[in-house]
Protein backbone atom coordinates (compact mmCIF):
# COMPACT_ATOMS: atom_id res chain seq x y z
CA MET A 1 14.92 19.46 19.98
CA LYS A 2 16.28 18.79 16.44
CA VAL A 3 18.19 16.10 17.73
CA LYS A 4 15.40 14.22 19.38
CA LEU A 5 13.26 14.94 16.50
CA TRP A 6 15.26 13.40 14.10
CA CYS A 7 16.21 10.48 16.41
CA ILE A 8 12.34 9.67 16.76
CA VAL A 9 11.75 10.34 12.80
CA LEU A 10 14.23 7.84 11.94
CA CYS A 11 11.93 5.13 13.38
CA CYS A 12 9.29 6.13 10.91
CA VAL A 13 11.36 5.45 7.57
CA PHE A 14 10.42 2.02 7.46
CA LEU A 15 6.85 2.33 7.52
CA VAL A 16 6.96 2.51 3.64
CA THR A 17 9.88 1.08 2.10
CA VAL A 18 9.36 2.25 -1.65
CA ALA A 19 9.39 5.91 -2.08
CA HIS A 20 6.41 6.74 -4.33
CA GLY A 21 8.02 9.48 -6.30
CA ALA A 22 6.77 13.32 -6.64
CA GLY A 23 3.59 13.56 -8.97
CA HIS A 24 1.26 16.49 -8.30
CA VAL A 25 2.77 18.87 -6.04
CA VAL A 26 0.81 21.52 -3.82
CA SER A 27 2.32 25.08 -3.03
CA VAL A 28 1.36 28.46 -1.96
CA SER A 29 2.16 31.62 -3.57
CA GLY A 30 0.98 34.85 -1.69
CA ASP A 31 -2.77 34.38 -1.14
CA GLU A 32 -2.93 31.42 -3.43
CA ILE A 33 -2.73 27.86 -3.46
CA LEU A 34 -1.02 26.17 -6.22
CA LEU A 35 -1.31 22.80 -7.78
CA ASN A 36 1.52 22.00 -10.03
CA GLY A 37 2.16 25.68 -10.14
CA GLN A 38 -1.15 27.03 -10.91
CA ALA A 39 -3.73 28.78 -9.12
CA ILE A 40 -6.79 26.56 -7.64
CA LYS A 41 -9.68 26.57 -5.54
CA VAL A 42 -9.71 23.59 -2.96
CA ILE A 43 -13.41 21.90 -3.05
CA GLY A 44 -13.65 18.77 -1.26
CA MET A 45 -15.10 16.59 1.40
CA ARG A 46 -13.94 15.80 5.01
CA CYS A 47 -13.37 11.90 5.31
CA SER A 48 -12.02 12.31 8.57
CA ASN A 49 -12.41 8.92 9.92
CA ALA A 50 -11.29 6.95 6.53
CA LEU A 51 -8.64 4.96 8.42
CA ILE A 52 -11.11 3.12 10.68
CA SER A 53 -10.50 0.01 8.60
CA ASP A 54 -9.26 -1.44 5.32
CA SER A 55 -12.66 -1.33 4.05
CA THR A 56 -13.36 2.15 4.60
CA THR A 57 -10.22 3.16 3.03
CA GLN A 58 -10.88 1.12 0.00
CA ALA A 59 -14.57 2.50 -0.06
CA LEU A 60 -12.66 5.93 -0.36
CA ILE A 61 -10.30 4.84 -2.76
CA GLY A 62 -13.11 3.44 -4.72
CA LEU A 63 -15.06 6.64 -4.89
CA LEU A 64 -12.50 9.28 -5.47
CA ASP A 65 -13.29 9.08 -9.04
CA THR A 66 -16.90 9.72 -8.46
CA TYR A 67 -15.80 12.59 -6.28
CA LYS A 68 -13.93 13.94 -8.92
CA SER A 69 -16.58 13.39 -11.53
CA TYR A 70 -18.82 15.89 -9.20
CA GLY A 71 -16.05 18.71 -9.06
CA CYS A 72 -14.20 17.51 -5.80
CA ASN A 73 -10.47 17.93 -5.79
CA THR A 74 -9.68 17.27 -2.27
CA VAL A 75 -10.20 14.73 0.86
CA SER A 76 -9.35 15.39 4.35
CA VAL A 77 -8.17 12.20 6.46
CA PHE A 78 -6.96 12.09 9.78
CA PHE A 79 -4.08 9.84 11.51
CA MET A 80 -6.00 10.92 14.77
CA GLY A 81 -9.61 9.86 14.20
CA SER A 82 -12.09 12.59 14.83
CA ARG A 83 -15.11 12.28 17.32
CA PHE A 84 -16.17 8.79 17.79
CA GLY A 85 -13.95 7.68 15.02
CA ASP A 86 -10.72 7.11 17.61
CA VAL A 87 -8.34 6.09 15.12
CA LYS A 88 -5.24 5.98 17.19
CA GLY A 89 -2.54 7.14 14.22
CA TYR A 90 0.09 7.97 16.68
CA ASN A 91 2.01 5.75 19.26
CA PRO A 92 2.76 6.68 22.57
CA ASP A 93 6.38 7.98 21.59
CA ALA A 94 4.92 10.19 18.79
CA THR A 95 5.91 7.49 15.89
CA LEU A 96 3.09 6.93 13.11
CA ASN A 97 1.44 3.31 13.79
CA ALA A 98 2.41 1.26 10.45
CA THR A 99 -1.44 -0.02 9.91
CA TYR A 100 -2.62 3.59 9.78
CA ALA A 101 0.20 4.75 7.82
CA SER A 102 -0.15 2.06 5.13
CA ARG A 103 -3.95 2.91 4.78
CA MET A 104 -3.16 6.78 4.26
CA ALA A 105 -0.55 6.05 1.92
CA ALA A 106 -2.83 4.21 -0.18
CA ILE A 107 -5.14 7.02 -0.31
CA ILE A 108 -2.58 9.65 -0.97
CA GLU A 109 -1.14 7.49 -3.91
CA ALA A 110 -4.74 6.82 -5.23
CA ALA A 111 -5.65 10.65 -4.96
CA ASP A 112 -2.24 11.50 -6.86
CA GLN A 113 -3.10 9.35 -9.75
CA ARG A 114 -6.11 11.20 -10.04
CA GLY A 115 -4.73 14.65 -9.47
CA MET A 116 -6.24 15.20 -6.22
CA ILE A 117 -5.17 16.60 -2.93
CA VAL A 118 -5.43 14.97 0.62
CA LEU A 119 -5.54 17.25 3.77
CA VAL A 120 -3.51 15.05 6.02
CA GLY A 121 -4.56 15.76 9.54
CA CYS A 122 -2.29 15.15 12.70
CA LEU A 123 -3.97 15.81 16.03
CA TYR A 124 -7.59 15.68 16.82
CA TRP A 125 -7.47 16.14 20.76
CA SER A 126 -10.99 17.24 21.78
CA THR A 127 -12.57 14.31 23.35
CA SER A 128 -11.42 11.52 21.02
CA ARG A 129 -10.44 7.95 22.70
CA ALA A 130 -7.58 8.33 20.26
CA LYS A 131 -5.46 10.15 22.65
CA GLU A 132 -6.10 7.81 25.48
CA ASP A 133 -2.59 6.19 25.56
CA LEU A 134 -0.94 9.63 25.05
CA GLY A 135 -1.78 11.48 28.49
CA HIS A 136 1.95 11.96 28.96
CA TRP A 137 2.27 14.08 25.97
CA GLY A 138 3.55 17.75 26.12
CA GLN A 139 4.48 20.23 23.36
CA SER A 140 7.68 18.03 22.72
CA GLU A 141 5.76 14.99 21.58
CA ALA A 142 3.04 17.09 19.71
CA ASP A 143 6.14 18.53 17.53
CA THR A 144 7.49 15.34 17.27
CA ALA A 145 4.47 13.77 15.98
CA VAL A 146 3.87 16.55 13.21
CA ALA A 147 7.70 16.33 12.46
CA ASN A 148 7.25 12.32 11.98
CA THR A 149 4.40 12.93 9.76
CA VAL A 150 6.10 15.55 7.31
CA HIS A 151 9.17 13.21 7.23
CA TRP A 152 6.99 10.25 6.24
CA LEU A 153 5.32 12.25 3.58
CA SER A 154 8.50 13.77 2.39
CA ALA A 155 10.42 10.46 2.49
CA ASN A 156 7.75 8.77 0.38
CA GLY A 157 7.57 11.53 -2.20
CA TYR A 158 3.83 12.81 -1.33
CA ARG A 159 3.39 16.14 -2.47
CA ASN A 160 -0.27 16.02 -3.41
CA VAL A 161 -0.75 17.05 0.48
CA ILE A 162 -1.44 19.72 2.94
CA VAL A 163 -0.80 19.02 6.65
CA ASP A 164 -3.07 20.07 9.43
CA ALA A 165 -1.32 19.89 12.15
CA ASP A 166 -3.80 20.62 14.95
CA ASN A 167 -7.54 20.50 14.28
CA GLU A 168 -9.42 23.57 15.55
CA GLY A 169 -6.35 24.16 17.95
CA MET A 170 -7.61 21.44 20.08
CA SER A 171 -4.61 20.35 21.96
CA PRO A 172 -3.17 22.37 24.58
CA TRP A 173 0.20 23.32 22.53
CA ASN A 174 1.50 25.90 20.31
CA ILE A 175 0.52 25.24 16.69
CA ASN A 176 3.30 27.36 15.52
CA GLN A 177 5.91 25.43 17.12
CA MET A 178 4.33 22.31 15.55
CA VAL A 179 4.52 23.98 12.29
CA GLN A 180 8.21 24.66 12.87
CA ALA A 181 9.04 21.25 13.82
CA GLY A 182 7.50 20.09 10.58
CA HIS A 183 9.21 22.51 8.27
CA ALA A 184 12.41 21.67 9.97
CA ILE A 185 12.11 18.43 8.17
CA ASP A 186 10.91 19.75 4.90
CA SER A 187 9.74 23.11 4.35
CA THR A 188 8.30 22.17 0.87
CA ILE A 189 5.36 20.41 2.59
CA MET A 190 2.58 22.76 2.94
CA ILE A 191 1.54 22.93 6.83
CA ALA A 192 -1.75 25.05 7.67
CA ASN A 193 -3.07 26.65 10.87
CA ASN A 194 -6.21 25.31 12.02
CA GLY A 195 -6.20 27.48 15.40
CA GLY A 196 -7.77 30.50 16.53
CA ASP A 197 -4.44 32.45 16.93
CA ALA A 198 -2.12 33.41 14.18
CA ALA A 199 0.75 31.05 13.61
CA PRO A 200 2.90 33.12 11.29
CA ASP A 201 5.13 30.33 10.14
CA ALA A 202 2.12 28.18 8.73
CA ASP A 203 1.92 28.16 4.93
CA LEU A 204 -1.95 28.83 5.05
CA ASN A 205 -4.91 28.86 7.55
CA ILE A 206 -7.86 26.79 7.15
CA HIS A 207 -11.21 26.68 8.99
CA PHE A 208 -10.48 28.06 12.62
CA GLY A 209 -7.37 29.67 11.47
CA PRO A 210 -7.57 33.51 10.91
CA LYS A 211 -8.32 35.11 7.53
CA GLU A 212 -4.90 37.04 7.21
CA SER A 213 -4.09 39.01 3.90
CA GLY A 214 -1.64 37.63 2.20
CA LYS A 215 -1.94 34.03 2.92
CA PRO A 216 -4.49 31.63 1.57
CA TRP A 217 -7.68 30.51 3.70
CA PHE A 218 -10.17 27.93 3.09
CA ASN A 219 -12.83 26.47 5.18
CA SER A 220 -11.84 22.77 5.63
CA GLU A 221 -14.84 21.81 7.74
CA ALA A 222 -17.61 23.48 6.58
CA THR A 223 -21.15 22.98 7.84
CA VAL A 224 -24.45 24.95 7.99
CA SER A 225 -25.09 27.47 10.78
CA SER A 226 -28.85 27.29 11.00
CA PRO A 227 -29.70 24.50 13.64
CA LEU A 228 -30.26 24.99 16.96
CA GLY A 229 -27.12 24.64 18.74
CA GLY A 230 -25.12 24.50 15.68
CA TYR A 231 -24.72 21.59 13.40
CA TRP A 232 -22.18 19.93 15.50
CA GLY A 233 -24.09 20.76 18.57
CA THR A 234 -27.47 19.81 19.77
CA TYR A 235 -28.70 18.88 16.27
CA SER A 236 -26.17 16.26 15.68
CA LYS A 237 -25.29 15.23 19.45
CA GLU A 238 -28.82 15.20 21.24
CA THR A 239 -28.74 11.55 21.94
CA HIS A 240 -25.12 11.28 22.83
CA GLN A 241 -25.84 14.43 25.16
CA GLN A 242 -28.66 12.83 26.76
CA ASP A 243 -27.35 9.09 27.20
CA SER A 244 -23.56 8.78 27.09
CA SER A 245 -24.00 5.11 26.22
CA TYR A 246 -24.50 6.38 22.53
CA TYR A 247 -21.49 7.09 21.16
CA ASN A 248 -22.20 8.43 17.70
CA TYR A 249 -24.50 11.10 16.07
CA SER A 250 -27.91 11.91 15.81
CA ARG A 251 -29.81 12.48 12.57
CA ILE A 252 -26.85 11.30 10.60
CA GLY A 253 -26.79 12.98 6.87
CA ARG A 254 -29.99 14.50 7.48
CA TYR A 255 -30.75 18.04 6.20
CA THR A 256 -33.66 20.47 5.76
CA SER A 257 -34.37 22.36 2.77
CA SER A 258 -33.31 25.68 4.37
CA MET A 259 -30.24 23.73 5.77
CA LYS A 260 -29.13 22.87 2.26
CA THR A 261 -29.72 26.18 0.99
CA SER A 262 -27.47 27.45 3.70
CA GLN A 263 -24.79 25.16 2.91
CA ILE A 264 -24.78 25.82 -1.02
CA ASN A 265 -24.70 29.59 -0.27
CA ASN A 266 -21.75 28.98 1.96
CA THR A 267 -20.04 27.15 -0.60
CA TRP A 268 -20.53 29.72 -3.09
CA SER A 269 -19.24 32.34 -0.66
CA ASP A 270 -16.14 30.84 0.45
CA VAL A 271 -15.04 29.56 -3.10
CA SER A 272 -15.58 32.79 -4.43
CA ASN A 273 -14.19 35.14 -1.87
CA TYR A 274 -11.40 32.91 -0.34
CA ASN A 275 -9.63 29.55 -1.54
CA GLY A 276 -12.50 26.95 -1.05
CA TYR A 277 -14.64 24.89 0.71
CA MET A 278 -14.58 21.43 2.26
CA LEU A 279 -17.87 19.64 3.27
CA ALA A 280 -18.23 17.94 6.59
CA SER A 281 -21.26 16.03 7.28
CA THR A 282 -21.85 13.56 10.19
CA TRP A 283 -22.85 11.33 7.12
CA LEU A 284 -19.00 11.41 6.12
CA GLN A 285 -17.79 10.86 9.68
CA CYS A 286 -20.08 8.97 11.47
CA ALA A 287 -18.46 5.91 13.61
CA PRO A 288 -19.27 2.14 12.84
CA ASP A 289 -21.10 1.67 16.18
CA GLU A 290 -24.73 1.36 17.04
CA GLY A 291 -25.49 -0.26 13.92
CA VAL A 292 -25.16 2.64 11.39
CA ASN A 293 -22.13 0.95 9.93
CA GLY A 294 -20.37 4.60 9.25
CA PRO A 295 -18.47 6.21 8.02
CA HIS A 296 -20.00 6.30 4.55
CA MET A 297 -17.83 7.34 1.77
CA GLU A 298 -20.66 6.97 -0.69
CA PRO A 299 -22.81 9.98 -1.56
CA GLY A 300 -25.91 8.62 -0.25
CA GLY A 301 -29.03 10.38 -0.66
CA TYR A 302 -30.81 13.90 -1.32
CA SER A 303 -32.01 14.18 2.48
CA ASN A 304 -35.60 14.83 1.32
CA ILE A 305 -36.91 14.03 4.64
CA ALA A 306 -40.19 14.87 6.02
CA ASP A 307 -39.58 15.07 9.38
CA VAL A 308 -35.62 15.08 10.43
CA ASP A 309 -36.71 14.71 14.01
CA ALA A 310 -38.12 11.43 14.03
CA ASP A 311 -36.25 8.42 15.08
CA ILE A 312 -32.91 10.42 14.87
CA ASP A 313 -30.71 7.59 15.66
CA ALA A 314 -31.80 5.46 12.53
CA LEU A 315 -30.31 5.91 9.27
CA HIS A 316 -32.88 7.28 7.04
CA PRO A 317 -32.72 5.55 3.60
CA ASP A 318 -32.39 9.19 1.86
CA ALA A 319 -29.87 10.48 4.18
CA GLY A 320 -26.59 11.62 2.77
CA VAL A 321 -24.88 14.40 0.70
CA LYS A 322 -25.41 13.79 -3.07
CA TRP A 323 -27.46 17.07 -2.95
CA TRP A 324 -24.09 19.13 -2.67
CA LEU A 325 -22.29 17.14 -4.82
CA GLU A 326 -24.62 17.85 -7.46
CA SER A 327 -24.71 21.35 -6.56
CA VAL A 328 -20.94 21.70 -7.06
CA HIS A 329 -20.84 20.12 -10.70
CA ALA A 330 -23.45 22.14 -11.62
CA ALA A 331 -21.26 25.09 -10.40
CA TYR A 332 -18.01 24.08 -11.59
CA GLY A 333 -17.94 20.95 -13.67
CA ALA A 334 -15.91 17.95 -12.86
CA TRP A 335 -12.31 18.27 -11.69
CA VAL A 336 -9.67 18.55 -14.28
CA PRO A 337 -6.08 18.90 -12.77
CA PRO A 338 -3.85 21.68 -13.99
CA ASP A 339 -1.20 19.45 -15.42
CA ALA A 340 -4.06 17.55 -17.32
CA GLN A 341 -5.51 20.75 -19.03
CA PRO A 342 -3.54 23.99 -17.88
CA GLN A 343 -5.90 26.71 -17.48
CA ALA A 344 -6.62 29.61 -15.20
CA PRO A 345 -9.06 28.94 -12.52
CA ALA A 346 -12.52 29.50 -14.07
CA ALA A 347 -14.52 32.17 -12.33
CA PRO A 348 -17.14 30.58 -10.30
CA VAL A 349 -20.85 30.73 -11.77
CA GLY A 350 -22.78 29.99 -8.73
CA LEU A 351 -24.37 27.07 -7.04
CA SER A 352 -27.90 25.64 -7.30
CA VAL A 353 -29.33 22.24 -6.21
CA SER A 354 -32.22 20.25 -7.26
CA LEU A 355 -33.98 19.34 -4.38
CA LYS A 356 -35.33 15.94 -5.47
């Protein structure tokens, strides 16, 4: 298998010709996540479809300083675009697509300049159309895709990263084997398990990954749990479930007061008790079709919406996640990377929000 992996990996070397050089470095020690050797808590945003276009990529880069000022230190971006995004970051032979690799490189480098982390997503299987050219794939191709991703990161000196090999374990293949394939290329690139079963060789667990003693875990796709059917269920897909021609989310960026309170309390809990929390929202993840012009990288508004069920397929002018960002800033302040001001992780002070 190693011979096959390396043969395909070599095809990726030329996607970026100049190595970036190591800057900020993510690692794991016991149950802690380290940045430049110091323990941190991950606080961030799931921007999974940020590679859809050059303009979306540049919009995210242009807002990294804003996110950092609110207290975020991490963004997640997927080579294989999440639901309704359909970014085809992998070619049928499991090599990286040069266009999407270039966009990912720009995000990683911009994040590194700011002492921020990028959670690099590999496979997003599920219902994404990103897989429509990959019907012949099996375990070997999945392993190779992860290996190619790790090789590309390593060859370009990108160390401010964590790899999410298989989002929510959606693919039918073994995540631990994908982790092994990536580690065979470079074991210093941290690879996370996001599947329901344990992956002993993963460096850490995220989201669907189990909470194991002695291994870090953070919620990389965190939403509220209060809406009927779950946030990603009926609440966000009502129109799509009724009419498959609507290829997007319903109620984009809409939250009730109770939903906002739930999200804030969950943030506090996961940052306090585990290794961090990353907000996932239809506001950040929606697709550009159906006239909504997503995904939205800007914070948007406070979602002080009298009736979240009115005209659910239109964008409300106050939709967004600014309320959450302000609550994070109130609790943790602006993000200061460890190498800029070495310090022990501050004890969380709790989250609050002004529902303006």
